[in-house]
Each structure stands twice: as structure tokens, then as C-alpha cells.
Amino acid sequence: MKMNTEALDNVAAGLSDQTLDRIEEAVEHIVAVKERGGNVAVVTGSGPNVHEGVTTLIATLMNAGIVDAVSTSSAVIAHEMGGALDKVKRCPGEPVGVSKRLLPKGGEFELTLMSDAMLSAIADYMPLDMGLIDRLRAADGKTIIKAAGNLGYPMGLYLERLSEEIKTLACATGRTFEAIAGIGADPRTMIGAGARRGLPVIVTIPQLVGGGAIGVNIGDSVSLRERASRLARVLDEADVIIESAVALTQEVHDGPFETHTGHGLWAAWQGHYHYSLEGKTLVRIDLDPALDLVCRAEQSAGGVQRAIAEGLPKTKLFKVPFRMEMSGFARHKGSIPIIGDIGGVWPLLAHRIACRLGVSLDFMSYPQDTDAGRAMREYIVNEIAPLDRGRMVEEARGMAGLD
């Protein structure tokens, strides 16, 4: 996906001066960290990050040596196993023989549009209802691009079943589900880039619910305590943490081992592993202007910290819908709130960092509702492949000492 300078200029023109200034502030911090050999971690949410090409861009930044670790959701892992984005034909389910009790609201069912080679690989792994596939192909419907796998047949069911095997391989090798899946994933996905470059990609505990059985199997691959410890070490080693369209981040960085704004007091008290966010830079890309309001209130008068110290309800104090992640973020001295759509903020952020560091990026994302964004989504569908089970199993066997 080639660089489109005009598209980036249009993105910049659509952002406020404050947002552009905050992007530049974040760029300065990240470039300084990378120039001294420091680490950058990204905490991503689900849907929008995939649809806007942000997860693919983050994978590109991992491969370019700019992003050093990622935490994400189980849903994103599921989508990356399917190739990030795919095309499906969406049809009424009952006329093609799918029971109404199985169908989601709206009554539609999806056929994943894939190559004959991929369909054959799935057929070798599990029984396929070719009659259903033929009826779906013949039915009237609408073709759309969506997050890969999910409710599309047969890709969604295939990934759901494959996740049981991945969990088994993870348990047998002492690795996480994410790491084993990454072995077979396309290197232009975050899990694929992580596996090839030895970088951690870990699902956060609040984001384990998603991706059907995939989320459950991710959760079962390592204990909650180990998952919390792995994530804590990712954040501990990071000098900059970028939060991208993700909820519940206070439960991510305000976890059981963090002492600056979190609940790690008793772990530290007892001499157990702990870490602090103090001195780190937190960049949050968020559409909610209330985040900026609360941050400014804290910076000008220490309102959030005072409310906590006095046991006051923050929602009533600030007269805004107060999300939990605002508390720790607003109180953190190194926080940079970027109020804007991730589809516009991320390409500018990535491009400016890469230019400053003299790094060439093989992929650039653009807002999905632009011409460049639509071309980007087609590129992801056509170029980023679903997980290669054969490669994954072969390498996992070597890890387990079975070769």
C-alpha cells in the first residue's frame, strides 16, 4: 500500500489545531524515546482499530522497529487469525436453510468469500456443508468488507475450532495462545509481527471477552496471574504507552502491580513484583472531548486527585460522563490526550515518527471513509492472508521438542 501524500494532507486538514499540536507533542516524545533506545507499547481496542487499518499499521511499525509491544483484545486476535479484514456475502439465513434460532438479530447469514485454496485447506481440517455454500453463492445478497472471521461461514467456524488446537499447543509449549497463533499468522498482522520479531503481543484481562471460543481459549492458555504479570512487564518496560480506541484502560495500567495510580501497593508492601507508571508518557487517542476536559481540570487545579483524596464522586464533580480510564490518565503527569478519530490520527502520527527517524514504512492506513481508505481496505482483504495452520503446527512441534 503506497504512501499517498495528498491523502495525508487531507487528513491533517480535517483535524483541529489542538489535535495536530497534540500529535506533534506525542511525536516528539516517541522520537526522543526511540533515539535513546527506549520502548514504545500500544494498547488497542477492537473493531475500529481493525476497520481503519490501524492494527495493520501497528504491525508495520513493529516490523520497522518503532513499536516494541502490543496489548489488545481477543476479538482482534480472532480477526488477525482470519487476515484482519475479509469479504463476505451477507444473505437472509432462513431461505438458505439456516435455522432461525441460530441467526443473530436481522436474520442474516454470511458466506466468507475466499480462494479455492483456502477453502480446500479448511475442508481438509473439518467437514464443510458444501450444499449450504452453494446455496449462499446462488442467493441474493450484499458483499461487504468486515473484520475477518467472526460470523462468516466457514472462516468463523474454522477459526473457532482451530482455537482449541492453538490452546493445546500453547499449553504444551508454555506459551500464550497469542504467541502460538502468531507463528502461523501473516507477518503484516500484529500477532504475526510479534512472533517473527520476538515482541510481546498480549490480550488484556478486561478484553478477554470477544471472538467467541477464541477469547475463552486465549484466557485458558495461561493463568490470569501470569497474564497480568506479562502485561505488567510490557508496561513496565515501555517509556511511551499509546492507547488506541480502547475502554477500561484503568483496569489495564491500574492493575495489581502498578503503584503510581494503581493498586500495586500491597504487592510492593510484601516485596513482590511491582512497577510504576511515573515518568512514562501516556498518549490516548479518543473521540470523547470529556477526556480533555478532565485532564485540563486536573492540570489546572488537581481536581481528580482532590476528588479521590476526599472520597468525592468524580461524575458529579466534573458534570461529565466520567469513564474509569479518565481517572488514572488525567492524574498522570505525562498524559497527552489526542481528541480525534483513530483513522485520521494514526497515519499522521506514524508518518511523522517514521520521517523523523528516517524509517520507511511498507504500509500506511487512511480513514476508511476516504478513497485512500477504501483502497487500503481492499489491499488488506487481498494481500493479508489467514493463519497458516501447517506452519504453525510445524514450528510448535519444534518448540515442544517433538522434531
Protein backbone atom coordinates (compact mmCIF):
# COMPACT_ATOMS: atom_id res chain seq x y z
CA MET A 1 0.00 0.00 0.00
CA LYS A 2 1.93 3.03 -1.29
CA MET A 3 2.23 6.32 0.55
CA ASN A 4 -0.41 8.83 -0.53
CA THR A 5 0.85 12.29 0.45
CA GLU A 6 -2.28 14.04 -0.79
CA ALA A 7 -4.47 11.75 1.34
CA LEU A 8 -2.35 12.51 4.42
CA ASP A 9 -2.61 16.25 3.73
CA ASN A 10 -6.40 15.89 3.53
CA VAL A 11 -6.41 14.00 6.83
CA ALA A 12 -4.42 16.77 8.50
CA ALA A 13 -6.75 19.42 7.07
CA GLY A 14 -9.70 17.71 8.75
CA LEU A 15 -8.22 17.80 12.25
CA SER A 16 -8.33 20.68 14.71
CA ASP A 17 -5.24 22.72 15.51
CA GLN A 18 -5.32 21.35 19.06
CA THR A 19 -5.33 17.77 17.80
CA LEU A 20 -2.47 18.47 15.39
CA ASP A 21 -0.49 20.10 18.21
CA ARG A 22 -1.07 17.07 20.45
CA ILE A 23 0.01 14.72 17.65
CA GLU A 24 3.23 16.71 17.29
CA GLU A 25 3.77 16.62 21.05
CA ALA A 26 3.37 12.83 21.01
CA VAL A 27 5.75 12.55 18.05
CA GLU A 28 8.41 14.50 19.95
CA HIS A 29 8.18 12.16 22.95
CA ILE A 30 8.19 8.98 20.86
CA VAL A 31 11.09 10.06 18.65
CA ALA A 32 13.14 11.05 21.69
CA VAL A 33 12.46 7.67 23.28
CA LYS A 34 13.38 5.70 20.18
CA GLU A 35 16.55 7.74 19.59
CA ARG A 36 17.80 6.81 23.05
CA GLY A 37 16.88 3.15 22.59
CA GLY A 38 13.69 3.16 24.64
CA ASN A 39 10.46 1.23 24.21
CA VAL A 40 7.01 2.09 22.87
CA ALA A 41 3.96 -0.04 23.71
CA VAL A 42 0.48 0.17 22.19
CA VAL A 43 -2.79 -0.74 23.94
CA THR A 44 -5.50 -1.26 21.32
CA GLY A 45 -9.21 -1.97 21.42
CA SER A 46 -11.21 -3.96 18.92
CA GLY A 47 -13.41 -3.06 15.94
CA PRO A 48 -12.35 0.43 14.83
CA ASN A 49 -8.65 -0.42 15.05
CA VAL A 50 -9.17 -3.27 12.55
CA HIS A 51 -11.57 -1.45 10.23
CA GLU A 52 -9.41 1.67 9.98
CA GLY A 53 -6.30 -0.38 9.14
CA VAL A 54 -4.72 0.69 12.44
CA THR A 55 -3.79 -2.84 13.55
CA THR A 56 -2.08 -3.38 10.19
CA LEU A 57 -0.27 -0.06 10.60
CA ILE A 58 0.82 -1.02 14.13
CA ALA A 59 2.19 -4.30 12.73
CA THR A 60 4.12 -2.24 10.18
CA LEU A 61 5.54 -0.11 12.99
CA MET A 62 6.53 -3.29 14.84
CA ASN A 63 8.34 -4.60 11.77
CA ALA A 64 10.04 -1.20 11.39
CA GLY A 65 11.34 -1.26 14.97
CA ILE A 66 9.17 1.61 16.22
CA VAL A 67 6.59 -0.27 18.32
CA ASP A 68 8.05 -2.79 20.77
CA ALA A 69 4.97 -4.40 22.36
CA VAL A 70 1.20 -4.56 21.98
CA SER A 71 -1.71 -5.41 24.21
CA THR A 72 -5.07 -5.88 22.53
CA SER A 73 -8.41 -7.71 22.65
CA SER A 74 -9.28 -11.33 21.98
CA ALA A 75 -11.53 -10.12 19.16
CA VAL A 76 -8.55 -8.52 17.41
CA ILE A 77 -6.59 -11.77 17.75
CA ALA A 78 -9.52 -13.60 16.14
CA HIS A 79 -9.68 -11.13 13.27
CA GLU A 80 -5.93 -11.26 12.66
CA MET A 81 -6.10 -15.06 12.55
CA GLY A 82 -8.52 -14.58 9.64
CA GLY A 83 -6.33 -12.00 7.89
CA ALA A 84 -7.62 -8.80 9.59
CA LEU A 85 -10.32 -7.95 7.02
CA ASP A 86 -12.21 -10.18 4.60
CA LYS A 87 -15.14 -10.00 2.20
CA VAL A 88 -18.40 -11.74 2.95
CA LYS A 89 -21.66 -12.14 1.11
CA ARG A 90 -24.48 -11.36 3.53
CA CYS A 91 -27.80 -13.09 2.81
CA PRO A 92 -31.09 -13.86 4.61
CA GLY A 93 -30.34 -17.03 6.56
CA GLU A 94 -33.65 -18.89 6.65
CA PRO A 95 -34.09 -19.19 2.83
CA VAL A 96 -30.69 -20.92 2.54
CA GLY A 97 -31.55 -23.39 5.31
CA VAL A 98 -30.08 -21.86 8.48
CA SER A 99 -32.39 -22.24 11.47
CA LYS A 100 -33.93 -19.00 12.72
CA ARG A 101 -32.93 -19.84 16.31
CA LEU A 102 -29.24 -19.70 15.28
CA LEU A 103 -29.40 -16.39 13.47
CA PRO A 104 -28.47 -13.04 15.03
CA LYS A 105 -30.76 -10.04 15.01
CA GLY A 106 -31.66 -9.19 11.42
CA GLY A 107 -31.72 -12.84 10.39
CA GLU A 108 -28.73 -12.60 8.06
CA PHE A 109 -26.01 -15.17 7.47
CA GLU A 110 -22.60 -14.61 5.90
CA LEU A 111 -20.51 -16.55 3.40
CA THR A 112 -16.79 -15.80 3.59
CA LEU A 113 -15.51 -15.11 0.09
CA MET A 114 -12.14 -16.86 -0.16
CA SER A 115 -9.82 -18.55 -2.61
CA ASP A 116 -10.34 -22.18 -3.64
CA ALA A 117 -7.01 -23.00 -2.00
CA MET A 118 -8.15 -21.61 1.36
CA LEU A 119 -11.50 -23.35 1.09
CA SER A 120 -9.70 -26.62 0.33
CA ALA A 121 -7.41 -26.16 3.36
CA ILE A 122 -10.43 -25.67 5.61
CA ALA A 123 -12.15 -28.71 4.08
CA ASP A 124 -9.08 -30.79 4.94
CA TYR A 125 -9.41 -29.68 8.56
CA MET A 126 -13.14 -30.01 9.19
CA PRO A 127 -16.34 -31.14 7.43
CA LEU A 128 -17.91 -28.45 5.25
CA ASP A 129 -21.54 -28.08 4.25
CA MET A 130 -20.94 -27.57 0.52
CA GLY A 131 -24.69 -27.53 -0.10
CA LEU A 132 -25.01 -24.51 2.19
CA ILE A 133 -22.07 -22.84 0.47
CA ASP A 134 -23.65 -23.41 -2.95
CA ARG A 135 -26.99 -22.01 -1.76
CA LEU A 136 -25.26 -18.95 -0.33
CA ARG A 137 -23.38 -18.41 -3.57
CA ALA A 138 -26.64 -18.55 -5.54
CA ALA A 139 -28.69 -16.42 -3.14
CA ASP A 140 -29.33 -12.70 -3.43
CA GLY A 141 -27.16 -10.79 -1.03
CA LYS A 142 -24.77 -7.93 -0.42
CA THR A 143 -20.97 -8.19 -0.46
CA ILE A 144 -19.20 -6.16 2.21
CA ILE A 145 -15.77 -5.87 3.81
CA LYS A 146 -15.73 -6.63 7.52
CA ALA A 147 -13.45 -7.79 10.31
CA ALA A 148 -12.22 -11.24 9.28
CA GLY A 149 -13.66 -14.50 10.55
CA ASN A 150 -16.30 -13.63 13.10
CA LEU A 151 -19.75 -14.81 11.88
CA GLY A 152 -18.72 -15.67 8.31
CA TYR A 153 -19.05 -19.29 7.17
CA PRO A 154 -16.81 -21.22 7.04
CA MET A 155 -13.97 -18.96 8.23
CA GLY A 156 -15.57 -18.05 11.56
CA LEU A 157 -16.33 -21.66 12.45
CA TYR A 158 -12.89 -22.79 11.25
CA LEU A 159 -11.10 -20.29 13.49
CA GLU A 160 -13.36 -21.19 16.40
CA ARG A 161 -12.39 -24.88 16.08
CA LEU A 162 -8.75 -24.12 15.34
CA SER A 163 -8.57 -22.12 18.58
CA GLU A 164 -8.94 -25.35 20.59
CA GLU A 165 -5.82 -26.73 18.90
CA ILE A 166 -3.92 -23.48 19.41
CA LYS A 167 -4.73 -23.55 23.13
CA THR A 168 -3.44 -27.14 23.32
CA LEU A 169 -0.20 -26.15 21.57
CA ALA A 170 0.18 -23.13 23.86
CA CYS A 171 -0.21 -25.23 26.99
CA ALA A 172 2.18 -27.88 25.64
CA THR A 173 4.91 -25.33 24.89
CA GLY A 174 4.43 -22.99 27.85
CA ARG A 175 3.48 -20.08 25.63
CA THR A 176 0.45 -17.88 25.24
CA PHE A 177 -2.27 -18.51 22.68
CA GLU A 178 -1.31 -15.21 21.03
CA ALA A 179 2.30 -16.32 20.53
CA ILE A 180 1.35 -19.69 19.01
CA ALA A 181 -1.26 -18.16 16.69
CA GLY A 182 1.31 -15.56 15.65
CA ILE A 183 3.65 -18.26 14.34
CA GLY A 184 1.19 -19.07 11.56
CA ALA A 185 -0.21 -15.56 11.10
CA ASP A 186 0.64 -13.17 8.29
CA PRO A 187 3.67 -11.04 9.28
CA ARG A 188 1.60 -7.94 8.47
CA THR A 189 -0.64 -8.66 11.45
CA MET A 190 0.34 -7.68 14.98
CA ILE A 191 0.48 -11.29 16.18
CA GLY A 192 2.50 -12.27 13.10
CA ALA A 193 4.94 -9.39 13.51
CA GLY A 194 5.27 -10.17 17.21
CA ALA A 195 6.06 -13.83 16.61
CA ARG A 196 8.69 -13.10 13.96
CA ARG A 197 10.41 -10.31 15.84
CA GLY A 198 10.11 -11.78 19.35
CA LEU A 199 7.89 -8.94 20.54
CA PRO A 200 5.12 -9.45 23.12
CA VAL A 201 1.51 -9.31 21.94
CA ILE A 202 -0.83 -9.98 24.86
CA VAL A 203 -4.58 -9.77 25.38
CA THR A 204 -5.58 -7.71 28.40
CA ILE A 205 -7.77 -9.30 31.04
CA PRO A 206 -10.69 -6.86 30.55
CA GLN A 207 -10.62 -7.65 26.81
CA LEU A 208 -10.72 -11.45 27.04
CA VAL A 209 -14.44 -11.44 26.21
CA GLY A 210 -14.69 -11.49 22.43
CA GLY A 211 -14.08 -13.69 19.43
CA GLY A 212 -16.34 -16.49 20.65
CA ALA A 213 -14.39 -19.57 21.77
CA ILE A 214 -11.19 -17.85 20.71
CA GLY A 215 -11.45 -15.47 23.66
CA VAL A 216 -12.16 -18.34 26.03
CA ASN A 217 -9.18 -20.33 24.71
CA ILE A 218 -6.90 -17.29 24.95
CA GLY A 219 -7.98 -16.98 28.58
CA ASP A 220 -7.35 -20.67 29.23
CA SER A 221 -3.88 -20.71 27.63
CA VAL A 222 -2.20 -19.07 30.66
CA SER A 223 -3.45 -18.25 34.16
CA LEU A 224 -4.89 -14.83 34.98
CA ARG A 225 -1.96 -14.19 37.30
CA GLU A 226 0.56 -14.92 34.56
CA ARG A 227 -1.39 -12.82 32.04
CA ALA A 228 -1.46 -9.88 34.48
CA SER A 229 2.27 -10.28 35.09
CA ARG A 230 3.10 -10.42 31.37
CA LEU A 231 1.07 -7.30 30.69
CA ALA A 232 2.61 -5.51 33.67
CA ARG A 233 6.10 -6.21 32.31
CA VAL A 234 5.10 -4.86 28.90
CA LEU A 235 4.02 -1.60 30.54
CA ASP A 236 6.96 -1.61 32.94
CA GLU A 237 9.44 -1.74 30.06
CA ALA A 238 7.63 0.91 27.99
CA ASP A 239 8.67 4.55 28.06
CA VAL A 240 5.64 5.58 25.99
CA ILE A 241 2.23 3.87 26.05
CA ILE A 242 -0.22 4.69 23.25
CA GLU A 243 -3.88 3.87 23.93
CA SER A 244 -5.98 3.48 20.79
CA ALA A 245 -9.80 3.26 20.82
CA VAL A 246 -9.86 1.11 23.93
CA ALA A 247 -12.06 1.13 27.01
CA LEU A 248 -11.24 0.09 30.57
CA THR A 249 -7.59 1.09 30.34
CA GLN A 250 -7.51 1.97 34.03
CA GLU A 251 -8.02 -1.76 34.62
CA VAL A 252 -5.08 -2.34 32.26
CA HIS A 253 -2.44 0.03 33.62
CA ASP A 254 -4.05 0.40 37.07
CA GLY A 255 -3.55 -3.32 37.58
CA PRO A 256 -2.45 -5.46 40.52
CA PHE A 257 1.24 -4.47 40.29
CA GLU A 258 1.22 -0.71 39.48
CA THR A 259 1.98 1.69 42.32
CA HIS A 260 1.73 5.25 40.91
CA THR A 261 -2.02 5.40 40.22
CA GLY A 262 -2.93 1.75 40.67
CA HIS A 263 -3.45 -0.99 43.18
CA GLY A 264 0.07 -2.37 43.46
CA LEU A 265 0.63 -1.05 46.98
CA TRP A 266 0.22 -4.40 48.68
CA ALA A 267 2.32 -6.28 46.14
CA ALA A 268 5.12 -3.77 46.80
CA TRP A 269 4.48 -3.87 50.56
CA GLN A 270 5.07 -7.61 50.56
CA GLY A 271 8.18 -7.37 48.40
CA HIS A 272 6.53 -8.88 45.33
CA TYR A 273 6.98 -7.72 41.74
CA HIS A 274 5.61 -4.23 41.12
CA TYR A 275 6.19 -1.30 38.78
CA SER A 276 5.26 2.37 38.41
CA LEU A 277 3.89 4.48 35.55
CA GLU A 278 5.61 7.53 36.99
CA GLY A 279 7.83 9.22 34.43
CA LYS A 280 6.24 7.46 31.45
CA THR A 281 4.32 9.17 28.66
CA LEU A 282 0.70 8.06 28.13
CA VAL A 283 -0.82 9.02 24.77
CA ARG A 284 -4.54 8.37 24.41
CA ILE A 285 -6.37 8.68 21.08
CA ASP A 286 -10.03 9.14 21.92
CA LEU A 287 -13.12 10.76 20.42
CA ASP A 288 -14.54 11.84 23.79
CA PRO A 289 -13.91 15.56 24.47
CA ALA A 290 -14.69 14.91 28.14
CA LEU A 291 -11.25 13.29 28.42
CA ASP A 292 -9.60 16.59 27.54
CA LEU A 293 -11.89 18.49 29.90
CA VAL A 294 -11.00 16.24 32.84
CA CYS A 295 -7.28 16.38 32.01
CA ARG A 296 -7.35 20.18 31.94
CA ALA A 297 -9.26 20.26 35.23
CA GLU A 298 -6.59 18.10 36.83
CA GLN A 299 -3.69 20.09 35.37
CA SER A 300 -5.14 23.45 36.43
CA ALA A 301 -6.41 22.62 39.92
CA GLY A 302 -5.75 18.97 40.68
CA GLY A 303 -9.48 18.25 40.59
CA VAL A 304 -9.29 14.50 40.00
CA GLN A 305 -6.66 13.89 42.68
CA ARG A 306 -8.57 16.09 45.13
CA ALA A 307 -11.81 14.19 44.48
CA ILE A 308 -10.04 10.89 45.16
CA ALA A 309 -8.36 12.23 48.29
CA GLU A 310 -11.68 13.47 49.65
CA GLY A 311 -13.74 10.49 48.50
CA LEU A 312 -15.93 12.62 46.23
CA PRO A 313 -17.88 11.25 43.23
CA LYS A 314 -15.97 12.43 40.14
CA THR A 315 -19.00 12.25 37.82
CA LYS A 316 -20.86 14.91 39.85
CA LEU A 317 -17.77 16.99 40.44
CA PHE A 318 -16.95 17.46 36.75
CA LYS A 319 -20.51 17.32 35.37
CA VAL A 320 -19.42 14.90 32.59
CA PRO A 321 -19.89 11.16 31.99
CA PHE A 322 -16.76 10.02 33.84
CA ARG A 323 -15.25 6.86 32.41
CA MET A 324 -12.89 4.94 34.65
CA GLU A 325 -9.88 5.34 32.35
CA MET A 326 -10.07 9.11 32.78
CA SER A 327 -9.03 8.90 36.43
CA GLY A 328 -5.55 7.43 36.17
CA PHE A 329 -4.88 9.05 32.80
CA ALA A 330 -5.84 12.57 33.95
CA ARG A 331 -3.76 12.28 37.13
CA HIS A 332 -0.69 11.12 35.25
CA LYS A 333 1.72 14.00 34.64
CA GLY A 334 2.92 12.56 31.31
CA SER A 335 -0.51 12.15 29.70
CA ILE A 336 -1.26 13.51 26.21
CA PRO A 337 -4.95 13.34 25.21
CA ILE A 338 -5.42 13.40 21.44
CA ILE A 339 -9.10 14.03 20.73
CA GLY A 340 -9.82 12.68 17.27
CA ASP A 341 -10.72 9.67 15.16
CA ILE A 342 -8.03 6.98 15.21
CA GLY A 343 -8.47 6.61 11.43
CA GLY A 344 -7.10 10.12 10.97
CA VAL A 345 -4.72 10.40 13.93
CA TRP A 346 -2.75 7.18 13.46
CA PRO A 347 -1.50 7.72 9.88
CA LEU A 348 -0.28 11.22 10.73
CA LEU A 349 1.35 10.00 13.93
CA ALA A 350 3.06 7.07 12.21
CA HIS A 351 4.17 9.05 9.15
CA ARG A 352 5.70 11.87 11.19
CA ILE A 353 7.51 9.47 13.54
CA ALA A 354 8.90 7.46 10.62
CA CYS A 355 10.06 10.60 8.81
CA ARG A 356 11.82 11.90 11.91
CA LEU A 357 13.55 8.56 12.48
CA GLY A 358 14.41 8.08 8.81
CA VAL A 359 12.42 4.86 8.60
CA SER A 360 10.50 3.70 5.54
CA LEU A 361 7.05 2.18 6.13
CA ASP A 362 5.73 -0.55 3.82
CA PHE A 363 2.09 0.22 4.64
CA MET A 364 0.09 3.30 5.53
CA SER A 365 -3.50 3.43 6.77
CA TYR A 366 -6.07 6.08 5.89
CA PRO A 367 -9.59 6.86 7.19
CA GLN A 368 -11.91 4.13 5.90
CA ASP A 369 -14.46 6.62 4.53
CA THR A 370 -11.97 8.18 2.09
CA ASP A 371 -10.89 6.95 -1.35
CA ALA A 372 -7.45 6.11 0.03
CA GLY A 373 -9.07 4.29 2.94
CA ARG A 374 -11.30 2.22 0.68
CA ALA A 375 -8.26 1.24 -1.41
CA MET A 376 -6.43 0.37 1.81
CA ARG A 377 -9.23 -1.94 2.92
CA GLU A 378 -9.22 -3.72 -0.43
CA TYR A 379 -5.45 -4.13 -0.10
CA ILE A 380 -5.80 -5.75 3.32
CA VAL A 381 -8.50 -8.14 2.05
CA ASN A 382 -6.44 -9.16 -0.99
CA GLU A 383 -2.94 -9.23 0.48
CA ILE A 384 -3.07 -10.25 4.15
CA ALA A 385 -3.59 -13.98 4.42
CA PRO A 386 -5.37 -16.02 7.09
CA LEU A 387 -3.35 -18.06 9.54
CA ASP A 388 -1.28 -20.89 8.03
CA ARG A 389 -2.05 -23.87 10.27
CA GLY A 390 0.66 -26.07 8.75
CA ARG A 391 3.45 -23.63 9.52
CA MET A 392 2.09 -23.03 13.00
CA VAL A 393 1.93 -26.73 13.89
CA GLU A 394 5.38 -27.45 12.45
CA GLU A 395 7.07 -24.71 14.44
CA ALA A 396 5.11 -25.53 17.60
CA ARG A 397 6.30 -29.14 17.34
CA GLY A 398 9.86 -27.87 17.32
CA MET A 399 9.18 -25.74 20.40
CA ALA A 400 7.83 -28.79 22.20
CA GLY A 401 10.91 -30.82 21.22
CA LEU A 402 8.91 -33.20 19.05
CA ASP A 403 11.12 -32.89 15.93
